[in-house]
Protein backbone atom coordinates (compact mmCIF):
# COMPACT_ATOMS: atom_id res chain seq x y z
CA MET A 1 -85.43 68.81 -121.81
CA LYS A 2 -87.20 65.56 -121.00
CA LEU A 3 -83.84 63.72 -120.84
CA LEU A 4 -82.46 66.41 -118.54
CA GLU A 5 -85.50 66.17 -116.29
CA THR A 6 -85.15 62.37 -116.21
CA ILE A 7 -81.48 62.60 -115.17
CA LYS A 8 -82.37 65.16 -112.53
CA THR A 9 -85.14 62.91 -111.19
CA LYS A 10 -82.83 59.87 -110.98
CA VAL A 11 -80.08 61.85 -109.28
CA THR A 12 -82.58 63.22 -106.76
CA ALA A 13 -84.00 59.72 -106.14
CA ALA A 14 -80.51 58.21 -105.72
CA THR A 15 -79.55 60.97 -103.33
CA GLY A 16 -82.72 60.43 -101.30
CA ALA A 17 -82.15 56.66 -101.22
CA LEU A 18 -78.58 57.19 -100.11
CA ARG A 19 -79.74 59.51 -97.35
CA ALA A 20 -82.47 57.08 -96.22
CA TRP A 21 -80.03 54.14 -96.16
CA ALA A 22 -77.47 56.15 -94.27
CA LEU A 23 -80.03 57.23 -91.69
CA ALA A 24 -81.28 53.65 -91.24
CA LYS A 25 -77.79 52.27 -90.78
CA ALA A 26 -76.92 55.15 -88.50
CA GLY A 27 -79.73 54.02 -86.24
CA GLU A 28 -78.32 50.51 -86.14
CA TRP A 29 -74.73 51.60 -85.67
CA LYS A 30 -75.60 54.51 -83.33
CA LEU A 31 -74.23 57.16 -85.73
CA GLN A 32 -77.43 59.19 -86.25
CA GLU A 33 -76.00 62.47 -85.04
CA ARG A 34 -72.81 62.15 -87.06
CA LEU A 35 -74.73 61.36 -90.27
CA ASN A 36 -77.16 64.23 -89.74
CA THR A 37 -74.24 66.57 -89.24
CA LEU A 38 -72.52 65.14 -92.31
CA TRP A 39 -75.71 65.47 -94.38
CA GLY A 40 -76.12 69.07 -93.31
CA LYS A 41 -72.57 69.82 -94.36
CA VAL A 42 -73.08 68.08 -97.70
CA LYS A 43 -76.33 69.97 -98.30
CA GLY A 44 -74.69 73.28 -97.43
CA LEU A 45 -71.75 72.46 -99.65
CA TRP A 46 -74.11 71.63 -102.51
CA THR A 47 -75.94 74.97 -102.09
CA ARG A 48 -72.70 76.93 -102.13
CA VAL A 49 -71.40 75.03 -105.14
CA ARG A 50 -74.68 75.65 -106.97
CA GLU A 51 -74.61 79.36 -106.25
CA ARG A 52 -71.01 79.66 -107.38
CA PHE A 53 -71.79 77.68 -110.49
CA VAL A 54 -74.67 80.04 -111.38
CA ARG A 55 -72.35 83.05 -111.07
CA SER A 56 -69.44 81.31 -112.81
CA LYS A 57 -68.19 81.81 -116.35
CA THR A 58 -68.88 78.14 -117.03
CA ASN A 59 -72.60 78.68 -116.57
CA ALA A 60 -72.40 81.74 -118.82
CA LYS A 61 -70.71 79.70 -121.52
CA LEU A 62 -73.27 76.95 -121.03
CA GLN A 63 -76.15 79.40 -121.50
CA ALA A 64 -74.43 80.77 -124.59
CA MET A 65 -74.44 77.31 -126.24
CA THR A 66 -77.10 76.15 -128.61
CA PRO A 67 -79.94 74.25 -126.91
CA LEU A 68 -78.89 70.87 -128.34
CA ARG A 69 -75.25 71.25 -127.33
CA ARG A 70 -76.23 72.52 -123.89
CA ARG A 71 -78.47 69.50 -123.33
CA MET A 72 -75.71 67.06 -124.35
CA THR A 73 -73.23 68.73 -122.02
CA ILE A 74 -75.66 68.64 -119.09
CA MET A 75 -76.46 64.98 -119.81
CA LEU A 76 -72.77 63.98 -119.80
CA CYS A 77 -72.14 65.88 -116.58
CA GLY A 78 -75.16 64.18 -115.01
CA VAL A 79 -73.91 60.74 -116.01
CA PHE A 80 -70.47 61.39 -114.53
CA LEU A 81 -72.08 62.76 -111.38
CA LEU A 82 -74.27 59.65 -111.05
CA LEU A 83 -71.24 57.37 -111.44
CA GLY A 84 -69.38 59.39 -108.85
CA LEU A 85 -72.27 59.07 -106.40
CA ILE A 86 -72.43 55.30 -106.91
CA PHE A 87 -68.68 54.98 -106.33
CA GLY A 88 -68.88 57.18 -103.24
CA PHE A 89 -71.81 55.15 -101.90
CA ASN A 90 -69.84 51.88 -102.20
CA GLN A 91 -66.79 53.41 -100.53
CA LEU A 92 -68.91 54.76 -97.68
CA LYS A 93 -70.60 51.39 -97.23
CA ALA A 94 -67.25 49.55 -97.05
CA PHE A 95 -65.90 52.11 -94.58
CA MET A 96 -68.92 51.81 -92.31
CA ILE A 97 -68.74 48.00 -92.31
CA LYS A 98 -65.04 48.04 -91.39
CA TYR A 99 -65.73 50.60 -88.68
CA PHE A 100 -68.50 48.45 -87.23
CA ILE A 101 -66.43 45.25 -87.26
CA ALA A 102 -63.42 47.03 -85.72
CA GLY A 103 -65.60 48.27 -82.91
CA MET A 104 -66.88 44.80 -82.09
CA GLY A 105 -63.42 43.36 -81.07
CA LEU A 106 -62.40 39.67 -81.03
CA PRO A 107 -65.16 37.14 -80.34
CA PRO A 108 -64.81 35.23 -77.05
CA ALA A 109 -63.53 31.61 -77.09
CA THR A 110 -64.44 28.77 -74.74
CA VAL A 111 -61.40 27.03 -73.23
CA SER A 112 -60.40 24.85 -70.30
CA THR A 113 -57.67 25.96 -67.90
CA MET A 114 -55.56 24.69 -65.02
CA VAL A 115 -53.22 26.21 -62.46
CA VAL A 116 -49.59 25.20 -62.94
CA GLU A 117 -48.19 23.34 -59.94
CA THR A 118 -44.87 21.78 -59.00
CA THR A 119 -44.91 17.98 -58.87
CA ALA A 120 -42.33 15.34 -57.96
CA TRP A 121 -40.64 14.00 -61.07
CA GLN A 122 -38.40 10.95 -61.19
CA PRO A 123 -35.87 11.40 -64.03
CA THR A 124 -35.90 8.25 -66.13
CA LEU A 125 -34.81 6.85 -69.44
CA SER A 126 -37.27 4.67 -71.30
CA SER A 127 -36.59 1.84 -73.69
CA VAL A 128 -38.00 -1.46 -74.88
CA GLY A 129 -36.23 -4.75 -74.39
CA ASN A 130 -36.36 -8.50 -74.69
CA VAL A 131 -36.37 -10.87 -71.75
CA ARG A 132 -33.62 -13.49 -71.76
CA ALA A 133 -33.14 -16.48 -69.47
CA TYR A 134 -30.30 -16.38 -66.96
CA ARG A 135 -29.24 -19.67 -68.53
CA GLY A 136 -31.04 -21.22 -71.45
CA VAL A 137 -30.19 -23.94 -73.93
CA ASP A 138 -31.78 -26.34 -76.41
CA LEU A 139 -30.51 -29.79 -75.41
CA SER A 140 -29.47 -32.60 -77.76
CA THR A 141 -27.35 -35.75 -77.55
CA GLU A 142 -23.86 -36.19 -78.98
CA ILE A 143 -24.69 -39.59 -80.39
CA GLY A 144 -27.80 -41.19 -81.84
CA GLY A 145 -29.75 -44.04 -80.36
CA LEU A 146 -33.07 -45.50 -79.32
CA VAL A 147 -34.87 -43.70 -76.46
CA GLN A 148 -35.24 -46.04 -73.52
CA ALA A 149 -36.78 -43.77 -70.85
CA VAL A 150 -37.99 -40.18 -70.40
CA PRO A 151 -38.21 -39.62 -66.62
CA ILE A 152 -39.33 -35.95 -66.89
CA LYS A 153 -42.55 -34.17 -67.78
CA SER A 154 -43.26 -30.95 -69.67
CA GLY A 155 -42.70 -27.79 -67.59
CA MET A 156 -40.95 -29.69 -64.82
CA ASP A 157 -38.33 -28.00 -62.63
CA VAL A 158 -35.11 -30.06 -62.50
CA LYS A 159 -31.83 -29.79 -60.64
CA GLU A 160 -28.34 -29.86 -62.09
CA GLY A 161 -27.37 -33.46 -62.90
CA ASP A 162 -30.93 -34.85 -63.05
CA LEU A 163 -31.50 -37.44 -65.78
CA LEU A 164 -33.65 -36.05 -68.60
CA ILE A 165 -33.52 -38.67 -71.37
CA LYS A 166 -31.95 -42.14 -71.33
CA LEU A 167 -30.95 -43.90 -74.56
CA ASN A 168 -30.56 -47.66 -74.96
CA ASP A 169 -27.03 -48.45 -73.72
CA ALA A 170 -27.18 -52.24 -73.16
CA SER A 171 -24.51 -53.09 -75.71
CA ASP A 172 -22.30 -50.27 -74.51
CA LEU A 173 -22.58 -51.47 -70.92
CA ALA A 174 -21.66 -55.01 -71.96
CA GLN A 175 -18.62 -53.69 -73.77
CA LEU A 176 -17.78 -51.63 -70.68
CA ASN A 177 -17.94 -54.68 -68.44
CA SER A 178 -15.69 -56.59 -70.84
CA LEU A 179 -13.14 -53.80 -70.83
CA LYS A 180 -13.28 -53.59 -67.05
CA ALA A 181 -12.47 -57.30 -66.81
CA LEU A 182 -9.50 -56.93 -69.14
CA ALA A 183 -8.36 -53.88 -67.19
CA ASN A 184 -8.53 -55.80 -63.89
CA LEU A 185 -6.55 -58.67 -65.43
CA SER A 186 -3.90 -56.29 -66.72
CA LYS A 187 -3.70 -54.70 -63.28
CA VAL A 188 -3.18 -58.11 -61.61
CA ILE A 189 -0.48 -59.08 -64.12
CA ASN A 190 1.28 -55.78 -63.61
CA GLU A 191 1.21 -56.24 -59.83
CA ARG A 192 2.65 -59.77 -60.18
CA ASP A 193 5.41 -58.46 -62.49
CA ARG A 194 6.27 -55.79 -59.96
CA GLN A 195 6.80 -58.45 -57.26
CA GLN A 196 8.94 -60.57 -59.58
CA LEU A 197 10.96 -57.53 -60.57
CA GLU A 198 11.82 -56.94 -56.93
CA ILE A 199 13.49 -60.39 -56.71
CA GLN A 200 15.09 -59.96 -60.15
CA ALA A 201 12.95 -62.76 -61.61
CA ILE A 202 12.05 -60.74 -64.73
CA SER A 203 13.59 -57.90 -66.62
CA LYS A 204 12.60 -54.27 -66.29
CA ASN A 205 11.35 -54.33 -69.91
CA VAL A 206 8.74 -57.00 -69.12
CA PHE A 207 7.46 -54.98 -66.16
CA ASP A 208 7.19 -51.77 -68.19
CA THR A 209 5.26 -53.60 -70.91
CA SER A 210 2.71 -54.97 -68.43
CA LYS A 211 2.39 -51.55 -66.78
CA ALA A 212 1.67 -49.87 -70.11
CA ASP A 213 -0.85 -52.57 -70.99
CA ALA A 214 -2.68 -52.03 -67.68
CA ALA A 215 -2.80 -48.27 -68.28
CA SER A 216 -4.10 -48.81 -71.81
CA LYS A 217 -6.84 -51.14 -70.64
CA GLN A 218 -7.87 -48.60 -67.96
CA ALA A 219 -8.01 -45.85 -70.59
CA GLN A 220 -10.30 -48.03 -72.72
CA VAL A 221 -12.57 -48.44 -69.69
CA GLU A 222 -12.74 -44.69 -69.20
CA GLN A 223 -13.45 -44.15 -72.88
CA GLN A 224 -16.29 -46.65 -72.82
CA THR A 225 -17.60 -45.10 -69.60
CA ALA A 226 -17.75 -41.73 -71.33
CA LEU A 227 -19.58 -43.32 -74.26
CA VAL A 228 -22.15 -44.82 -71.90
CA ALA A 229 -22.57 -41.42 -70.20
CA LYS A 230 -23.40 -39.87 -73.57
CA LYS A 231 -26.42 -42.18 -73.73
CA ASN A 232 -27.78 -40.45 -70.60
CA LEU A 233 -28.84 -36.79 -71.20
CA LYS A 234 -28.57 -34.93 -67.87
CA ALA A 235 -29.40 -31.35 -66.89
CA PRO A 236 -26.29 -29.15 -67.20
CA PHE A 237 -27.85 -26.65 -64.73
CA SER A 238 -30.99 -26.17 -62.69
CA GLY A 239 -34.01 -24.85 -64.51
CA ARG A 240 -37.38 -25.61 -66.07
CA VAL A 241 -37.74 -27.94 -69.05
CA GLY A 242 -39.98 -27.04 -71.95
CA ILE A 243 -42.51 -29.13 -73.82
CA VAL A 244 -41.28 -32.75 -73.94
CA MET A 245 -42.11 -34.33 -77.29
CA ILE A 246 -39.76 -37.36 -77.05
CA ASN A 247 -41.22 -40.77 -76.26
CA PRO A 248 -39.63 -44.12 -75.35
CA GLY A 249 -38.92 -46.24 -78.39
CA GLN A 250 -38.22 -43.23 -80.60
CA TYR A 251 -34.92 -43.11 -82.44
CA VAL A 252 -33.01 -39.82 -82.29
CA ASN A 253 -29.99 -38.68 -84.25
CA SER A 254 -27.01 -36.84 -82.86
CA GLY A 255 -27.59 -33.08 -82.79
CA ASP A 256 -31.39 -33.30 -82.88
CA LYS A 257 -33.16 -30.73 -80.68
CA LEU A 258 -34.84 -32.78 -77.96
CA LEU A 259 -36.04 -30.19 -75.41
CA THR A 260 -35.27 -26.77 -73.95
CA LEU A 261 -34.02 -25.96 -70.47
CA GLN A 262 -34.36 -22.43 -69.05
CA THR A 263 -33.33 -20.90 -65.72
CA LEU A 264 -36.09 -18.40 -64.86
CA ASP A 265 -34.89 -17.00 -61.54
CA PRO A 266 -33.10 -14.66 -61.83
CA ILE A 267 -33.69 -13.46 -65.38
CA PHE A 268 -32.11 -10.96 -67.76
CA VAL A 269 -33.57 -8.19 -69.91
CA ASP A 270 -31.61 -6.74 -72.83
CA PHE A 271 -32.38 -3.26 -74.20
CA ASN A 272 -30.72 -0.51 -76.22
CA LEU A 273 -30.20 3.20 -75.54
CA PRO A 274 -28.93 5.99 -77.83
CA GLN A 275 -25.26 6.84 -77.59
CA SER A 276 -26.23 10.29 -76.28
CA ASN A 277 -27.24 8.60 -73.00
CA ALA A 278 -23.88 6.86 -72.54
CA ALA A 279 -22.85 9.17 -69.68
CA GLN A 280 -26.11 8.53 -67.80
CA ILE A 281 -25.96 4.73 -67.74
CA GLN A 282 -24.00 2.97 -65.00
CA VAL A 283 -23.87 -0.52 -63.59
CA GLY A 284 -26.06 -0.84 -60.50
CA GLN A 285 -28.79 1.61 -61.53
CA GLU A 286 -32.32 0.55 -60.66
CA ILE A 287 -34.78 -0.31 -63.43
CA ILE A 288 -38.53 -0.90 -63.48
CA LEU A 289 -39.89 -3.41 -65.98
CA THR A 290 -43.48 -3.81 -67.16
CA THR A 291 -44.97 -6.22 -69.66
CA ASP A 292 -48.24 -6.47 -71.53
CA ALA A 293 -48.81 -9.91 -70.00
CA PHE A 294 -48.98 -8.42 -66.46
CA LYS A 295 -50.22 -4.85 -66.92
CA ASP A 296 -50.61 -4.06 -63.22
CA ALA A 297 -47.30 -5.64 -62.13
CA LYS A 298 -43.95 -3.89 -61.90
CA PHE A 299 -40.65 -5.74 -61.60
CA THR A 300 -37.51 -4.10 -60.27
CA GLY A 301 -33.92 -4.98 -61.06
CA LYS A 302 -30.41 -3.64 -61.51
CA VAL A 303 -28.24 -2.84 -64.49
CA THR A 304 -25.55 -5.53 -64.56
CA ALA A 305 -23.56 -4.73 -67.70
CA VAL A 306 -23.14 -2.05 -70.37
CA SER A 307 -21.70 -2.99 -73.74
CA PRO A 308 -18.19 -1.57 -74.27
CA LYS A 309 -18.98 -0.64 -77.89
CA VAL A 310 -21.62 1.24 -79.87
CA ASP A 311 -23.46 -0.46 -82.71
CA THR A 312 -22.21 1.23 -85.89
CA ASN A 313 -25.52 0.66 -87.68
CA THR A 314 -27.93 2.07 -85.08
CA ARG A 315 -25.53 4.09 -82.86
CA ASN A 316 -27.11 2.42 -79.85
CA ILE A 317 -25.55 0.93 -76.73
CA GLN A 318 -26.69 -2.49 -75.53
CA VAL A 319 -27.50 -2.72 -71.83
CA GLU A 320 -28.14 -5.81 -69.69
CA ALA A 321 -30.16 -5.81 -66.47
CA GLN A 322 -30.98 -8.60 -64.04
CA LEU A 323 -34.28 -9.07 -62.20
CA ALA A 324 -35.47 -11.39 -59.49
CA ASN A 325 -38.24 -13.65 -60.76
CA PRO A 326 -39.25 -15.86 -57.81
CA ASP A 327 -42.77 -16.44 -59.14
CA LYS A 328 -41.36 -17.24 -62.59
CA LYS A 329 -43.95 -14.96 -64.22
CA ILE A 330 -41.54 -13.35 -66.65
CA LEU A 331 -40.59 -15.74 -69.45
CA PRO A 332 -37.69 -15.59 -71.91
CA GLY A 333 -38.58 -13.92 -75.19
CA MET A 334 -41.17 -11.55 -73.71
CA PHE A 335 -41.37 -7.95 -74.92
CA ALA A 336 -40.82 -5.53 -72.02
CA ASN A 337 -40.95 -1.79 -71.31
CA VAL A 338 -37.95 -0.65 -69.30
CA ASN A 339 -37.59 2.56 -67.25
CA ILE A 340 -34.15 3.38 -65.83
CA LYS A 341 -34.11 5.65 -62.79
CA LEU A 342 -31.58 8.49 -62.96
CA GLY A 343 -30.81 9.88 -59.52
CA ASP A 344 -33.27 11.28 -56.98
CA GLU A 345 -36.67 12.85 -57.57
CA VAL A 346 -36.79 16.51 -58.62
CA LYS A 347 -39.50 19.17 -58.49
CA LEU A 348 -40.71 20.34 -61.91
CA LEU A 349 -43.62 22.29 -63.36
CA THR A 350 -45.79 19.98 -65.44
CA LEU A 351 -48.57 20.52 -67.96
CA PRO A 352 -50.67 18.24 -70.16
CA GLN A 353 -48.94 17.77 -73.49
CA THR A 354 -52.08 19.01 -75.26
CA SER A 355 -51.62 22.49 -73.76
CA VAL A 356 -48.31 23.07 -75.57
CA THR A 357 -48.24 24.14 -79.21
CA TYR A 358 -45.05 23.01 -80.92
CA ASN A 359 -43.80 25.23 -83.76
CA PRO A 360 -40.56 25.42 -85.77
CA TYR A 361 -39.77 28.74 -84.07
CA GLY A 362 -40.47 27.48 -80.54
CA SER A 363 -43.05 25.99 -78.20
CA THR A 364 -45.84 28.21 -76.87
CA VAL A 365 -48.70 28.12 -74.37
CA PHE A 366 -51.58 30.51 -73.73
CA ILE A 367 -52.05 32.03 -70.28
CA ALA A 368 -55.46 33.19 -69.02
CA LYS A 369 -54.56 36.77 -68.03
CA PRO A 370 -57.02 38.72 -65.82
CA THR A 371 -58.34 41.87 -67.51
CA GLY A 372 -59.34 43.58 -64.26
CA LYS A 373 -62.97 43.77 -65.44
CA LYS A 374 -66.07 41.79 -64.52
CA ASP A 375 -68.84 40.31 -66.61
CA LYS A 376 -72.59 40.70 -66.12
CA GLN A 377 -72.58 38.04 -63.40
CA GLY A 378 -69.85 39.86 -61.49
CA LYS A 379 -67.16 37.30 -62.29
CA PRO A 380 -63.65 38.40 -63.32
CA THR A 381 -62.90 38.18 -67.04
CA PHE A 382 -59.77 36.82 -68.72
CA GLU A 383 -58.01 37.24 -72.03
CA ALA A 384 -55.46 35.08 -73.81
CA GLN A 385 -51.76 35.89 -73.71
CA GLN A 386 -49.30 33.76 -75.69
CA VAL A 387 -45.89 33.04 -74.13
CA PHE A 388 -42.89 30.99 -75.25
CA VAL A 389 -41.79 28.09 -73.05
CA THR A 390 -38.87 25.66 -72.91
CA THR A 391 -40.07 22.08 -72.58
CA GLY A 392 -38.18 19.19 -70.99
CA SER A 393 -38.75 15.46 -70.83
CA THR A 394 -42.17 13.84 -71.09
CA ARG A 395 -43.89 11.37 -68.76
CA GLY A 396 -47.15 9.78 -69.85
CA ASP A 397 -49.56 12.61 -70.69
CA GLN A 398 -47.35 15.23 -69.01
CA VAL A 399 -44.48 17.41 -70.20
CA ALA A 400 -42.02 19.28 -67.98
CA ILE A 401 -41.80 23.07 -68.39
CA LEU A 402 -38.29 24.39 -67.70
CA LYS A 403 -38.70 28.09 -68.60
CA GLY A 404 -41.40 30.54 -69.61
CA ILE A 405 -44.06 30.33 -66.88
CA GLU A 406 -44.12 30.44 -63.11
CA GLU A 407 -45.92 28.30 -60.56
CA GLY A 408 -49.49 29.47 -59.96
CA ALA A 409 -50.08 30.72 -63.52
CA THR A 410 -53.39 29.77 -65.15
CA VAL A 411 -52.69 28.00 -68.45
CA VAL A 412 -55.13 27.14 -71.24
CA THR A 413 -55.18 23.35 -71.61
CA SER A 414 -57.60 22.95 -74.54
CA GLY A 415 -59.12 25.17 -77.21
CA GLN A 416 -55.93 27.16 -77.76
CA LEU A 417 -55.85 26.60 -81.54
CA LYS A 418 -58.50 29.34 -82.03
CA LEU A 419 -56.82 31.89 -79.74
CA LYS A 420 -54.87 35.07 -80.41
CA ASN A 421 -53.34 37.59 -78.07
CA GLY A 422 -56.17 39.51 -76.44
CA THR A 423 -58.94 37.00 -77.21
CA PRO A 424 -61.63 37.10 -74.47
CA LEU A 425 -61.94 33.75 -72.71
CA ILE A 426 -64.92 31.79 -71.47
CA VAL A 427 -63.55 29.23 -68.98
CA ASN A 428 -65.29 25.85 -68.86
CA ASN A 429 -63.43 23.22 -66.83
CA LYS A 430 -66.07 20.51 -66.90
CA VAL A 431 -63.89 18.45 -69.25
CA GLN A 432 -60.10 18.40 -68.85
CA PRO A 433 -57.49 16.76 -71.12
CA ALA A 434 -55.60 13.67 -69.95
CA ASN A 435 -52.90 14.56 -67.41
CA SER A 436 -51.74 11.23 -65.97
CA PRO A 437 -48.04 10.43 -65.43
CA ASN A 438 -48.77 6.76 -66.05
CA PRO A 439 -51.73 6.42 -68.44
CA GLN A 440 -53.34 3.03 -68.94
CA PRO A 441 -55.19 2.01 -72.10
CA GLN A 442 -58.92 1.65 -71.70
CA GLU A 443 -60.38 -1.80 -72.11
């Protein structure tokens, strides 16, 4: 009987604890009336079950058992009842927690927003290129010799035909003078033979021999003249010479690189574009060139040539453009950023690139949709709504939106990674993401 009383006491205590916990939580969750009603129903159900059990055959059989057997049966039933109450308590607790969380809704998220507007957009193609001189060459002499004079200085602008380097040609000039004398003598003899031939004083064969000898001597003079000219290195075109490292008295060999000569105005820039842009590139299109050397300067030019073939390794097309360079700021070999203008400006909706979420199934943005309600301060409230968009080309920090949203829509520009459809929004526009069409790196 003591064991039975102990089980009864524990069951009663567990039931009281369950009731007290339920009442306390009901106060927190505002379910006091429902729990009281539920407890009344449970209590009434327990009374009816007890009365039926007393009048049932099971109770009669239980009373007919021996005292020891009856006690064991009651103990087992009490244990199973206690386990059932514990299981029911845990299930009720889990249900109440889920009910409470479901009633709370999604927590609000702080985001920044902006109103979508139409802006002027210049369609362009971007590439990187290398600057090349209009004319450029590394000069050398055809023959070797001792340097006699260097009449130029490093970085000097020269005209076509100006003397750059003079080699020692004294012996060649002496030989030239000797050949000129022989050529003059042959010319005099040939003229005398012509006069004698007119009076039939000599044969035609003698005249032809003297004529051929005069022509041969003149050819030798011209050959020696060309040899002397090779000792004088002259500018093949107008331009600017490089660093002069040749000094008088220095011996140079034929083919040695002596100096460089570059024409800087105008100047070329070579760049490549994918073959998919072949239909968009035409001769005469305007380009804008920028370089790291002159970050705030822009240079304009025209496309002058498009390669008639596609590189089989890269599938790119080589394009040549020409730019005016009167200040000679742009130098051959510079790295350049090239933007090719394609037609007239168009009006497009633009957003910061950070506001678009790119996924394998499509690009999306979140719109701040008015809920029609107001907060405690009387301000209208918003919730997040995810929409799919079709993006176009990019320009700096901006991306063009072709489909999906209309002008005037309020779009979330930052903080969208924590959003879902229906998430309440707290708008804070004190800090906005970069939205410049031409961003510049900070120093």
